[in-house]
Amino acid sequence: MAFKMLLVVCKVLLICTLLLAFQAAARELLQTSDSLVPQMSPIEKLRRRDVPWGHNP
């Protein structure tokens, strides 16, 4: 019984760790993409993302 409880606790901890890691990675990605593109309106950001890298004027 105690062994099953331990397994459940380990699974929950693992899932929480993965979620936190994913959240941190996503936040980092958002920050870097925002810093790459100068402050523009959201529509201009979307237009800029449609253009392949190396082809923007």
C-alpha atoms as a PDB file:
ATOM      1  CA  MET A   1       0.000   0.000   0.000  1.00  0.00           C
ATOM      2  CA  ALA A   2       2.746   2.427   0.980  1.00  0.00           C
ATOM      3  CA  PHE A   3       4.636   1.496  -2.192  1.00  0.00           C
ATOM      4  CA  LYS A   4       1.644   2.427  -4.368  1.00  0.00           C
ATOM      5  CA  MET A   5       1.311   5.755  -2.559  1.00  0.00           C
ATOM      6  CA  LEU A   6       5.003   6.422  -3.145  1.00  0.00           C
ATOM      7  CA  LEU A   7       4.582   5.696  -6.862  1.00  0.00           C
ATOM      8  CA  VAL A   8       1.646   8.101  -7.090  1.00  0.00           C
ATOM      9  CA  VAL A   9       3.604  10.831  -5.294  1.00  0.00           C
ATOM     10  CA  CYS A  10       6.579  10.306  -7.617  1.00  0.00           C
ATOM     11  CA  LYS A  11       4.343  10.529 -10.694  1.00  0.00           C
ATOM     12  CA  VAL A  12       2.743  13.754  -9.462  1.00  0.00           C
ATOM     13  CA  LEU A  13       6.143  15.281  -8.700  1.00  0.00           C
ATOM     14  CA  LEU A  14       7.436  14.273 -12.133  1.00  0.00           C
ATOM     15  CA  ILE A  15       4.430  15.800 -13.903  1.00  0.00           C
ATOM     16  CA  CYS A  16       4.750  19.024 -11.892  1.00  0.00           C
ATOM     17  CA  THR A  17       8.460  19.245 -12.700  1.00  0.00           C
ATOM     18  CA  LEU A  18       7.805  18.729 -16.414  1.00  0.00           C
ATOM     19  CA  LEU A  19       5.051  21.356 -16.398  1.00  0.00           C
ATOM     20  CA  LEU A  20       7.283  23.889 -14.653  1.00  0.00           C
ATOM     21  CA  ALA A  21      10.149  23.197 -17.060  1.00  0.00           C
ATOM     22  CA  PHE A  22       7.841  23.544 -20.064  1.00  0.00           C
ATOM     23  CA  GLN A  23       6.384  26.771 -18.679  1.00  0.00           C
ATOM     24  CA  ALA A  24       9.855  28.245 -18.136  1.00  0.00           C
ATOM     25  CA  ALA A  25      10.956  27.234 -21.641  1.00  0.00           C
ATOM     26  CA  ALA A  26       7.817  28.720 -23.196  1.00  0.00           C
ATOM     27  CA  ARG A  27       8.286  31.977 -21.284  1.00  0.00           C
ATOM     28  CA  GLU A  28      11.924  32.154 -22.404  1.00  0.00           C
ATOM     29  CA  LEU A  29      10.926  31.558 -26.034  1.00  0.00           C
ATOM     30  CA  LEU A  30       8.305  34.307 -25.856  1.00  0.00           C
ATOM     31  CA  GLN A  31      10.802  36.755 -24.352  1.00  0.00           C
ATOM     32  CA  THR A  32      13.445  36.039 -26.999  1.00  0.00           C
ATOM     33  CA  SER A  33      10.969  36.319 -29.894  1.00  0.00           C
ATOM     34  CA  ASP A  34       9.710  39.630 -28.496  1.00  0.00           C
ATOM     35  CA  SER A  35      13.240  40.981 -28.091  1.00  0.00           C
ATOM     36  CA  LEU A  36      14.179  39.939 -31.650  1.00  0.00           C
ATOM     37  CA  VAL A  37      11.291  41.924 -33.129  1.00  0.00           C
ATOM     38  CA  PRO A  38      11.345  45.657 -32.344  1.00  0.00           C
ATOM     39  CA  GLN A  39       8.268  47.051 -30.607  1.00  0.00           C
ATOM     40  CA  MET A  40       5.542  46.991 -33.261  1.00  0.00           C
ATOM     41  CA  SER A  41       1.821  46.485 -33.437  1.00  0.00           C
ATOM     42  CA  PRO A  42       0.655  42.833 -33.248  1.00  0.00           C
ATOM     43  CA  ILE A  43      -0.374  42.902 -36.929  1.00  0.00           C
ATOM     44  CA  GLU A  44       3.115  43.998 -38.006  1.00  0.00           C
ATOM     45  CA  LYS A  45       4.615  41.258 -35.824  1.00  0.00           C
ATOM     46  CA  LEU A  46       2.447  38.662 -37.566  1.00  0.00           C
ATOM     47  CA  ARG A  47       3.418  40.006 -40.992  1.00  0.00           C
ATOM     48  CA  ARG A  48       7.090  39.959 -40.032  1.00  0.00           C
ATOM     49  CA  ARG A  49       6.838  36.322 -38.897  1.00  0.00           C
ATOM     50  CA  ASP A  50       5.322  35.269 -42.241  1.00  0.00           C
ATOM     51  CA  VAL A  51       8.480  36.433 -44.040  1.00  0.00           C
ATOM     52  CA  PRO A  52      11.261  33.803 -44.064  1.00  0.00           C
ATOM     53  CA  TRP A  53      14.462  34.831 -42.275  1.00  0.00           C
ATOM     54  CA  GLY A  54      16.979  36.682 -44.426  1.00  0.00           C
ATOM     55  CA  HIS A  55      14.335  38.111 -46.751  1.00  0.00           C
ATOM     56  CA  ASN A  56      13.045  41.044 -44.716  1.00  0.00           C
ATOM     57  CA  PRO A  57      13.991  44.437 -46.166  1.00  0.00           C
END
